[in-house]
C-alpha atoms as a PDB file:
ATOM      1  CA  MET A   1      80.873  63.736 128.202  1.00  0.00           C
ATOM      2  CA  SER A   2      79.205  64.753 131.476  1.00  0.00           C
ATOM      3  CA  THR A   3      75.736  66.271 131.401  1.00  0.00           C
ATOM      4  CA  TYR A   4      74.933  69.608 133.034  1.00  0.00           C
ATOM      5  CA  VAL A   5      71.373  69.775 134.434  1.00  0.00           C
ATOM      6  CA  TYR A   6      69.505  73.088 134.672  1.00  0.00           C
ATOM      7  CA  ALA A   7      65.956  72.043 135.519  1.00  0.00           C
ATOM      8  CA  ILE A   8      63.331  69.319 135.513  1.00  0.00           C
ATOM      9  CA  THR A   9      59.761  69.776 134.339  1.00  0.00           C
ATOM     10  CA  THR A  10      56.995  67.897 132.545  1.00  0.00           C
ATOM     11  CA  ALA A  11      57.579  66.594 129.034  1.00  0.00           C
ATOM     12  CA  SER A  12      54.506  68.571 127.936  1.00  0.00           C
ATOM     13  CA  HIS A  13      55.913  71.885 129.209  1.00  0.00           C
ATOM     14  CA  PRO A  14      55.169  74.400 126.415  1.00  0.00           C
ATOM     15  CA  GLY A  15      58.267  76.547 126.856  1.00  0.00           C
ATOM     16  CA  LEU A  16      61.187  74.129 126.906  1.00  0.00           C
ATOM     17  CA  PRO A  17      64.277  75.982 125.668  1.00  0.00           C
ATOM     18  CA  ARG A  18      66.166  74.351 122.815  1.00  0.00           C
ATOM     19  CA  GLY A  19      69.260  75.623 121.095  1.00  0.00           C
ATOM     20  CA  MET A  20      69.960  78.560 123.391  1.00  0.00           C
ATOM     21  CA  GLY A  21      73.404  78.906 124.910  1.00  0.00           C
ATOM     22  CA  GLY A  22      74.107  77.581 128.375  1.00  0.00           C
ATOM     23  CA  VAL A  23      77.193  77.387 130.549  1.00  0.00           C
ATOM     24  CA  GLY A  24      80.706  77.130 129.167  1.00  0.00           C
ATOM     25  CA  GLU A  25      82.952  79.099 126.869  1.00  0.00           C
ATOM     26  CA  PRO A  26      81.882  78.756 124.146  1.00  0.00           C
ATOM     27  CA  ALA A  27      78.338  78.301 125.441  1.00  0.00           C
ATOM     28  CA  ARG A  28      77.099  74.707 125.233  1.00  0.00           C
ATOM     29  CA  PRO A  29      73.784  74.377 123.344  1.00  0.00           C
ATOM     30  CA  VAL A  30      70.826  73.635 125.596  1.00  0.00           C
ATOM     31  CA  ARG A  31      68.813  70.517 124.824  1.00  0.00           C
ATOM     32  CA  VAL A  32      66.003  68.487 126.388  1.00  0.00           C
ATOM     33  CA  LEU A  33      65.979  64.874 127.600  1.00  0.00           C
ATOM     34  CA  THR A  34      62.644  63.143 128.245  1.00  0.00           C
ATOM     35  CA  ALA A  35      61.685  60.047 130.225  1.00  0.00           C
ATOM     36  CA  GLY A  36      58.819  58.976 132.463  1.00  0.00           C
ATOM     37  CA  GLY A  37      56.621  61.839 131.269  1.00  0.00           C
ATOM     38  CA  LEU A  38      59.227  64.335 132.480  1.00  0.00           C
ATOM     39  CA  ALA A  39      61.871  66.478 130.825  1.00  0.00           C
ATOM     40  CA  ALA A  40      65.315  67.574 131.927  1.00  0.00           C
ATOM     41  CA  VAL A  41      66.794  70.761 130.480  1.00  0.00           C
ATOM     42  CA  VAL A  42      70.488  70.021 129.984  1.00  0.00           C
ATOM     43  CA  SER A  43      73.651  70.757 128.027  1.00  0.00           C
ATOM     44  CA  ASP A  44      77.078  69.213 127.816  1.00  0.00           C
ATOM     45  CA  ALA A  45      79.098  70.084 130.913  1.00  0.00           C
ATOM     46  CA  PRO A  46      82.288  72.060 130.343  1.00  0.00           C
ATOM     47  CA  GLU A  47      85.425  70.864 132.082  1.00  0.00           C
ATOM     48  CA  GLY A  48      86.637  72.754 135.114  1.00  0.00           C
ATOM     49  CA  LEU A  49      83.343  74.612 135.643  1.00  0.00           C
ATOM     50  CA  ARG A  50      83.582  77.363 138.251  1.00  0.00           C
ATOM     51  CA  PRO A  51      80.969  79.846 139.511  1.00  0.00           C
ATOM     52  CA  LYS A  52      82.073  82.672 137.253  1.00  0.00           C
ATOM     53  CA  ARG A  53      79.648  85.498 136.613  1.00  0.00           C
ATOM     54  CA  ARG A  54      79.173  84.588 132.970  1.00  0.00           C
ATOM     55  CA  ASP A  55      78.198  81.003 133.779  1.00  0.00           C
ATOM     56  CA  LEU A  56      76.019  81.959 136.753  1.00  0.00           C
ATOM     57  CA  LEU A  57      74.082  84.317 134.495  1.00  0.00           C
ATOM     58  CA  ALA A  58      73.844  81.696 131.738  1.00  0.00           C
ATOM     59  CA  HIS A  59      72.439  79.173 134.233  1.00  0.00           C
ATOM     60  CA  GLN A  60      69.887  81.726 135.427  1.00  0.00           C
ATOM     61  CA  ALA A  61      68.923  82.684 131.863  1.00  0.00           C
ATOM     62  CA  VAL A  62      68.121  79.075 130.971  1.00  0.00           C
ATOM     63  CA  LEU A  63      65.990  78.742 134.114  1.00  0.00           C
ATOM     64  CA  SER A  64      64.162  81.986 133.312  1.00  0.00           C
ATOM     65  CA  GLU A  65      63.440  80.814 129.780  1.00  0.00           C
ATOM     66  CA  ALA A  66      62.272  77.396 130.947  1.00  0.00           C
ATOM     67  CA  GLY A  67      60.128  78.837 133.740  1.00  0.00           C
ATOM     68  CA  GLU A  68      58.455  81.503 131.625  1.00  0.00           C
ATOM     69  CA  ALA A  69      55.606  79.221 130.553  1.00  0.00           C
ATOM     70  CA  GLY A  70      55.201  77.050 133.634  1.00  0.00           C
ATOM     71  CA  CYS A  71      56.667  75.442 136.716  1.00  0.00           C
ATOM     72  CA  VAL A  72      60.132  73.903 136.644  1.00  0.00           C
ATOM     73  CA  LEU A  73      62.269  72.335 139.350  1.00  0.00           C
ATOM     74  CA  PRO A  74      65.480  74.379 139.285  1.00  0.00           C
ATOM     75  CA  MET A  75      68.779  72.648 139.857  1.00  0.00           C
ATOM     76  CA  ARG A  76      71.541  74.555 141.624  1.00  0.00           C
ATOM     77  CA  PHE A  77      74.497  75.843 139.672  1.00  0.00           C
ATOM     78  CA  GLY A  78      77.076  73.119 139.157  1.00  0.00           C
ATOM     79  CA  SER A  79      74.687  70.141 138.959  1.00  0.00           C
ATOM     80  CA  VAL A  80      76.474  67.630 136.748  1.00  0.00           C
ATOM     81  CA  ALA A  81      75.517  64.021 135.993  1.00  0.00           C
ATOM     82  CA  PRO A  82      77.904  61.435 134.500  1.00  0.00           C
ATOM     83  CA  ASP A  83      75.940  61.227 131.225  1.00  0.00           C
ATOM     84  CA  ASP A  84      72.510  61.526 129.573  1.00  0.00           C
ATOM     85  CA  ASP A  85      71.528  57.974 130.493  1.00  0.00           C
ATOM     86  CA  THR A  86      72.001  58.741 134.178  1.00  0.00           C
ATOM     87  CA  VAL A  87      69.650  61.708 133.878  1.00  0.00           C
ATOM     88  CA  THR A  88      66.890  59.828 132.035  1.00  0.00           C
ATOM     89  CA  GLY A  89      67.260  56.878 134.413  1.00  0.00           C
ATOM     90  CA  VAL A  90      66.677  59.068 137.460  1.00  0.00           C
ATOM     91  CA  LEU A  91      63.727  60.794 135.768  1.00  0.00           C
ATOM     92  CA  THR A  92      62.114  57.384 135.279  1.00  0.00           C
ATOM     93  CA  GLU A  93      62.902  56.083 138.755  1.00  0.00           C
ATOM     94  CA  ARG A  94      61.720  59.215 140.574  1.00  0.00           C
ATOM     95  CA  ALA A  95      58.938  60.290 138.225  1.00  0.00           C
ATOM     96  CA  GLU A  96      56.234  60.358 140.893  1.00  0.00           C
ATOM     97  CA  HIS A  97      58.400  62.367 143.286  1.00  0.00           C
ATOM     98  CA  TYR A  98      59.181  64.988 140.641  1.00  0.00           C
ATOM     99  CA  ARG A  99      55.538  65.245 139.609  1.00  0.00           C
ATOM    100  CA  GLU A 100      54.584  65.812 143.256  1.00  0.00           C
ATOM    101  CA  ARG A 101      57.243  68.532 143.575  1.00  0.00           C
ATOM    102  CA  LEU A 102      56.034  70.226 140.406  1.00  0.00           C
ATOM    103  CA  ARG A 103      52.499  70.295 141.776  1.00  0.00           C
ATOM    104  CA  ALA A 104      53.685  71.639 145.152  1.00  0.00           C
ATOM    105  CA  LEU A 105      55.849  74.413 143.667  1.00  0.00           C
ATOM    106  CA  ALA A 106      53.538  75.580 140.895  1.00  0.00           C
ATOM    107  CA  GLY A 107      52.916  79.328 141.166  1.00  0.00           C
ATOM    108  CA  ARG A 108      55.434  79.759 143.991  1.00  0.00           C
ATOM    109  CA  VAL A 109      58.809  81.458 144.368  1.00  0.00           C
ATOM    110  CA  GLU A 110      61.549  81.546 146.966  1.00  0.00           C
ATOM    111  CA  TYR A 111      62.678  84.455 149.119  1.00  0.00           C
ATOM    112  CA  ASN A 112      65.900  84.056 151.069  1.00  0.00           C
ATOM    113  CA  VAL A 113      66.162  86.100 154.254  1.00  0.00           C
ATOM    114  CA  LYS A 114      69.413  86.659 156.105  1.00  0.00           C
ATOM    115  CA  ALA A 115      69.692  88.623 159.341  1.00  0.00           C
ATOM    116  CA  SER A 116      72.578  89.934 161.399  1.00  0.00           C
ATOM    117  CA  HIS A 117      72.894  92.217 164.395  1.00  0.00           C
ATOM    118  CA  ASP A 118      73.800  95.856 164.156  1.00  0.00           C
ATOM    119  CA  GLU A 119      76.555  95.635 166.763  1.00  0.00           C
ATOM    120  CA  GLU A 120      76.053  99.054 168.321  1.00  0.00           C
ATOM    121  CA  ALA A 121      72.272  98.746 168.369  1.00  0.00           C
ATOM    122  CA  VAL A 122      72.248  95.273 169.913  1.00  0.00           C
ATOM    123  CA  LEU A 123      74.706  96.366 172.637  1.00  0.00           C
ATOM    124  CA  HIS A 124      72.391  99.225 173.546  1.00  0.00           C
ATOM    125  CA  ARG A 125      69.482  96.781 173.685  1.00  0.00           C
ATOM    126  CA  VAL A 126      71.383  94.268 175.800  1.00  0.00           C
ATOM    127  CA  MET A 127      72.371  97.024 178.239  1.00  0.00           C
ATOM    128  CA  ALA A 128      68.779  98.242 178.449  1.00  0.00           C
ATOM    129  CA  GLU A 129      67.426  94.750 179.118  1.00  0.00           C
ATOM    130  CA  ASN A 130      70.019  93.575 181.675  1.00  0.00           C
ATOM    131  CA  PRO A 131      70.335  95.428 185.013  1.00  0.00           C
ATOM    132  CA  GLU A 132      73.400  93.391 186.057  1.00  0.00           C
ATOM    133  CA  ILE A 133      75.297  94.438 182.932  1.00  0.00           C
ATOM    134  CA  ARG A 134      74.285  98.071 183.412  1.00  0.00           C
ATOM    135  CA  SER A 135      75.356  98.032 187.047  1.00  0.00           C
ATOM    136  CA  LEU A 136      78.737  96.444 186.363  1.00  0.00           C
ATOM    137  CA  ALA A 137      79.413  98.765 183.405  1.00  0.00           C
ATOM    138  CA  GLU A 138      78.614 101.794 185.559  1.00  0.00           C
ATOM    139  CA  ALA A 139      80.810 100.528 188.402  1.00  0.00           C
ATOM    140  CA  ASN A 140      83.697 100.012 185.980  1.00  0.00           C
ATOM    141  CA  ARG A 141      83.181 103.482 184.573  1.00  0.00           C
ATOM    142  CA  ARG A 142      83.246 105.089 188.024  1.00  0.00           C
ATOM    143  CA  SER A 143      86.471 103.267 188.912  1.00  0.00           C
ATOM    144  CA  GLY A 144      88.255 104.433 185.810  1.00  0.00           C
ATOM    145  CA  GLY A 145      87.545 101.364 183.705  1.00  0.00           C
ATOM    146  CA  GLY A 146      87.628  98.638 186.329  1.00  0.00           C
ATOM    147  CA  GLY A 147      90.173  95.951 187.089  1.00  0.00           C
ATOM    148  CA  TYR A 148      91.039  93.005 184.869  1.00  0.00           C
ATOM    149  CA  GLN A 149      88.550  90.657 186.521  1.00  0.00           C
ATOM    150  CA  ASP A 150      85.778  93.272 186.361  1.00  0.00           C
ATOM    151  CA  LYS A 151      86.403  93.828 182.657  1.00  0.00           C
ATOM    152  CA  LEU A 152      86.501  90.088 182.025  1.00  0.00           C
ATOM    153  CA  ARG A 153      83.235  89.564 183.903  1.00  0.00           C
ATOM    154  CA  LEU A 154      81.542  92.364 181.969  1.00  0.00           C
ATOM    155  CA  GLY A 155      82.722  90.937 178.658  1.00  0.00           C
ATOM    156  CA  GLU A 156      81.425  87.488 179.555  1.00  0.00           C
ATOM    157  CA  LEU A 157      78.032  88.849 180.575  1.00  0.00           C
ATOM    158  CA  VAL A 158      77.691  90.907 177.390  1.00  0.00           C
ATOM    159  CA  ALA A 159      78.734  87.984 175.166  1.00  0.00           C
ATOM    160  CA  ALA A 160      76.226  85.653 176.826  1.00  0.00           C
ATOM    161  CA  ALA A 161      73.436  88.227 176.558  1.00  0.00           C
ATOM    162  CA  VAL A 162      74.152  88.869 172.868  1.00  0.00           C
ATOM    163  CA  GLN A 163      74.178  85.132 172.166  1.00  0.00           C
ATOM    164  CA  ALA A 164      70.818  84.720 173.887  1.00  0.00           C
ATOM    165  CA  ARG A 165      69.456  87.709 171.964  1.00  0.00           C
ATOM    166  CA  GLU A 166      70.627  86.128 168.688  1.00  0.00           C
ATOM    167  CA  ALA A 167      68.612  82.983 169.380  1.00  0.00           C
ATOM    168  CA  ASP A 168      65.534  84.991 170.399  1.00  0.00           C
ATOM    169  CA  ASP A 169      65.766  87.259 167.352  1.00  0.00           C
ATOM    170  CA  ALA A 170      66.189  84.323 164.979  1.00  0.00           C
ATOM    171  CA  ARG A 171      62.994  82.740 166.298  1.00  0.00           C
ATOM    172  CA  GLU A 172      61.169  86.067 166.161  1.00  0.00           C
ATOM    173  CA  ILE A 173      62.055  86.732 162.522  1.00  0.00           C
ATOM    174  CA  VAL A 174      60.955  83.293 161.346  1.00  0.00           C
ATOM    175  CA  HIS A 175      57.793  83.549 163.457  1.00  0.00           C
ATOM    176  CA  ALA A 176      56.963  86.933 161.899  1.00  0.00           C
ATOM    177  CA  LEU A 177      57.412  85.764 158.296  1.00  0.00           C
ATOM    178  CA  GLU A 178      56.188  82.167 158.500  1.00  0.00           C
ATOM    179  CA  PRO A 179      52.467  83.045 158.175  1.00  0.00           C
ATOM    180  CA  TYR A 180      53.129  84.506 154.703  1.00  0.00           C
ATOM    181  CA  ALA A 181      54.897  81.403 153.356  1.00  0.00           C
ATOM    182  CA  ALA A 182      53.813  77.932 152.337  1.00  0.00           C
ATOM    183  CA  ALA A 183      57.032  76.416 153.689  1.00  0.00           C
ATOM    184  CA  VAL A 184      60.321  77.398 155.323  1.00  0.00           C
ATOM    185  CA  SER A 185      63.735  75.857 154.716  1.00  0.00           C
ATOM    186  CA  ASP A 186      66.715  76.584 156.952  1.00  0.00           C
ATOM    187  CA  GLY A 187      69.882  77.264 155.011  1.00  0.00           C
ATOM    188  CA  PRO A 188      73.338  76.149 156.120  1.00  0.00           C
ATOM    189  CA  PRO A 189      74.805  78.116 159.041  1.00  0.00           C
ATOM    190  CA  SER A 190      76.821  81.034 157.773  1.00  0.00           C
ATOM    191  CA  THR A 191      79.338  83.149 159.636  1.00  0.00           C
ATOM    192  CA  GLY A 192      77.910  86.537 160.526  1.00  0.00           C
ATOM    193  CA  TRP A 193      74.244  85.633 160.033  1.00  0.00           C
ATOM    194  CA  LEU A 194      71.919  84.682 162.859  1.00  0.00           C
ATOM    195  CA  VAL A 195      69.212  83.753 160.340  1.00  0.00           C
ATOM    196  CA  ASN A 196      69.629  82.158 156.922  1.00  0.00           C
ATOM    197  CA  ALA A 197      66.191  80.916 155.894  1.00  0.00           C
ATOM    198  CA  SER A 198      64.310  80.482 152.638  1.00  0.00           C
ATOM    199  CA  PHE A 199      60.562  80.986 152.379  1.00  0.00           C
ATOM    200  CA  LEU A 200      58.335  79.422 149.731  1.00  0.00           C
ATOM    201  CA  VAL A 201      55.833  82.119 148.788  1.00  0.00           C
ATOM    202  CA  ASP A 202      52.849  82.155 146.442  1.00  0.00           C
ATOM    203  CA  ARG A 203      53.509  84.639 143.659  1.00  0.00           C
ATOM    204  CA  GLU A 204      50.208  86.339 144.456  1.00  0.00           C
ATOM    205  CA  ALA A 205      51.294  86.784 148.101  1.00  0.00           C
ATOM    206  CA  ALA A 206      54.769  88.113 147.318  1.00  0.00           C
ATOM    207  CA  GLU A 207      53.850  91.722 148.059  1.00  0.00           C
ATOM    208  CA  GLU A 208      52.430  90.737 151.450  1.00  0.00           C
ATOM    209  CA  PHE A 209      55.628  88.845 152.260  1.00  0.00           C
ATOM    210  CA  VAL A 210      57.848  91.807 151.367  1.00  0.00           C
ATOM    211  CA  THR A 211      55.598  94.062 153.465  1.00  0.00           C
ATOM    212  CA  ALA A 212      56.021  91.663 156.392  1.00  0.00           C
ATOM    213  CA  VAL A 213      59.810  91.901 156.007  1.00  0.00           C
ATOM    214  CA  GLU A 214      59.598  95.703 156.116  1.00  0.00           C
ATOM    215  CA  GLN A 215      57.489  95.480 159.268  1.00  0.00           C
ATOM    216  CA  ALA A 216      60.121  93.205 160.831  1.00  0.00           C
ATOM    217  CA  ARG A 217      62.760  95.830 160.036  1.00  0.00           C
ATOM    218  CA  THR A 218      60.657  98.401 161.866  1.00  0.00           C
ATOM    219  CA  ASP A 219      59.937  96.162 164.846  1.00  0.00           C
ATOM    220  CA  LEU A 220      63.542  94.960 165.189  1.00  0.00           C
ATOM    221  CA  PRO A 221      65.704  98.003 164.456  1.00  0.00           C
ATOM    222  CA  HIS A 222      68.775  96.350 166.007  1.00  0.00           C
ATOM    223  CA  LEU A 223      68.804  93.854 163.129  1.00  0.00           C
ATOM    224  CA  GLU A 224      70.021  94.143 159.558  1.00  0.00           C
ATOM    225  CA  LEU A 225      67.880  92.129 157.139  1.00  0.00           C
ATOM    226  CA  ARG A 226      68.837  91.147 153.607  1.00  0.00           C
ATOM    227  CA  VAL A 227      66.146  89.766 151.297  1.00  0.00           C
ATOM    228  CA  ASN A 228      66.896  88.029 148.011  1.00  0.00           C
ATOM    229  CA  GLY A 229      64.036  87.203 145.677  1.00  0.00           C
ATOM    230  CA  PRO A 230      61.902  86.309 144.030  1.00  0.00           C
ATOM    231  CA  LEU A 231      64.086  83.324 143.142  1.00  0.00           C
ATOM    232  CA  PRO A 232      63.390  79.913 141.662  1.00  0.00           C
ATOM    233  CA  PRO A 233      62.541  77.620 144.602  1.00  0.00           C
ATOM    234  CA  TYR A 234      65.995  75.999 144.853  1.00  0.00           C
ATOM    235  CA  SER A 235      65.675  75.242 148.554  1.00  0.00           C
ATOM    236  CA  PHE A 236      62.472  73.251 148.108  1.00  0.00           C
ATOM    237  CA  VAL A 237      63.707  70.820 145.451  1.00  0.00           C
ATOM    238  CA  GLU A 238      65.449  67.701 146.664  1.00  0.00           C
ATOM    239  CA  PRO A 239      68.671  66.850 144.817  1.00  0.00           C
ATOM    240  CA  GLY A 240      68.016  65.815 141.246  1.00  0.00           C
ATOM    241  CA  PRO A 241      69.892  63.475 138.891  1.00  0.00           C
ATOM    242  CA  ALA A 242      73.176  65.252 139.599  1.00  0.00           C
ATOM    243  CA  GLU A 243      75.272  66.143 142.602  1.00  0.00           C
ATOM    244  CA  PRO A 244      75.490  69.948 142.895  1.00  0.00           C
ATOM    245  CA  ALA A 245      78.942  71.400 143.203  1.00  0.00           C
ATOM    246  CA  SER A 246      79.822  73.469 146.272  1.00  0.00           C
ATOM    247  CA  THR A 247      78.700  76.717 144.678  1.00  0.00           C
ATOM    248  CA  THR A 248      76.032  79.341 145.090  1.00  0.00           C
ATOM    249  CA  ALA A 249      73.043  79.299 142.759  1.00  0.00           C
ATOM    250  CA  GLY A 250      73.127  82.990 142.032  1.00  0.00           C
ATOM    251  CA  ALA A 251      74.046  86.464 143.137  1.00  0.00           C
ATOM    252  CA  ASP A 252      72.101  88.444 145.712  1.00  0.00           C
ATOM    253  CA  THR A 253      69.347  90.605 144.307  1.00  0.00           C
ATOM    254  CA  GLY A 254      69.762  93.001 147.207  1.00  0.00           C
ATOM    255  CA  ALA A 255      66.030  93.656 147.616  1.00  0.00           C
ATOM    256  CA  GLU A 256      65.563  96.042 150.460  1.00  0.00           C
END
């Protein structure tokens, strides 16, 4: 049977969960595999696993239990290895790498920040910043809307200006938040978001990071920011002894 992997930590971790329920229906018992001075928190993998709410929450609950007493390397939802031997083999082969990651992530959490434009607000800003767009828009207005070519030209200018503003705003957001993080990881491009970035933040600096996000909201009112966290540092763990499925590790927390 395939092996579902929740997290990797040290074999001496004092809070390794055993016997609690994990993913699946019925819930598969959680167990611990050890090798190379490390431990993998695992269970049997149910067939046909999908990112249903019940299983997403079960995955998160195991991570919370495992991380309560110390640092763990969280695996993303859907990480499945062929069998237990594959897991212990990778733990042995990559023991030094995992120990380095555990040291680097100790006492740190992840905040994911996504940003998009408020369409009306960014159009106002683009108009205010671009005299050519303002002039052409006013000329079209005076002529009753303008001809086809005038409308086309205006649309092209606005689209180009918004695209340039997206790139500038993306850099500005990361620049504003970077000083409060130990590392930054760019997430995959996502339709509708001009920024999708994860920040590795010391737990003790979490309040400062959230304050910096609020300041960015004030400074960039034409943007909509969504912050999810604190989360386990998924984006700062290289793939473990399993290939993650094409799923999301958890639901948005909706921190505002």
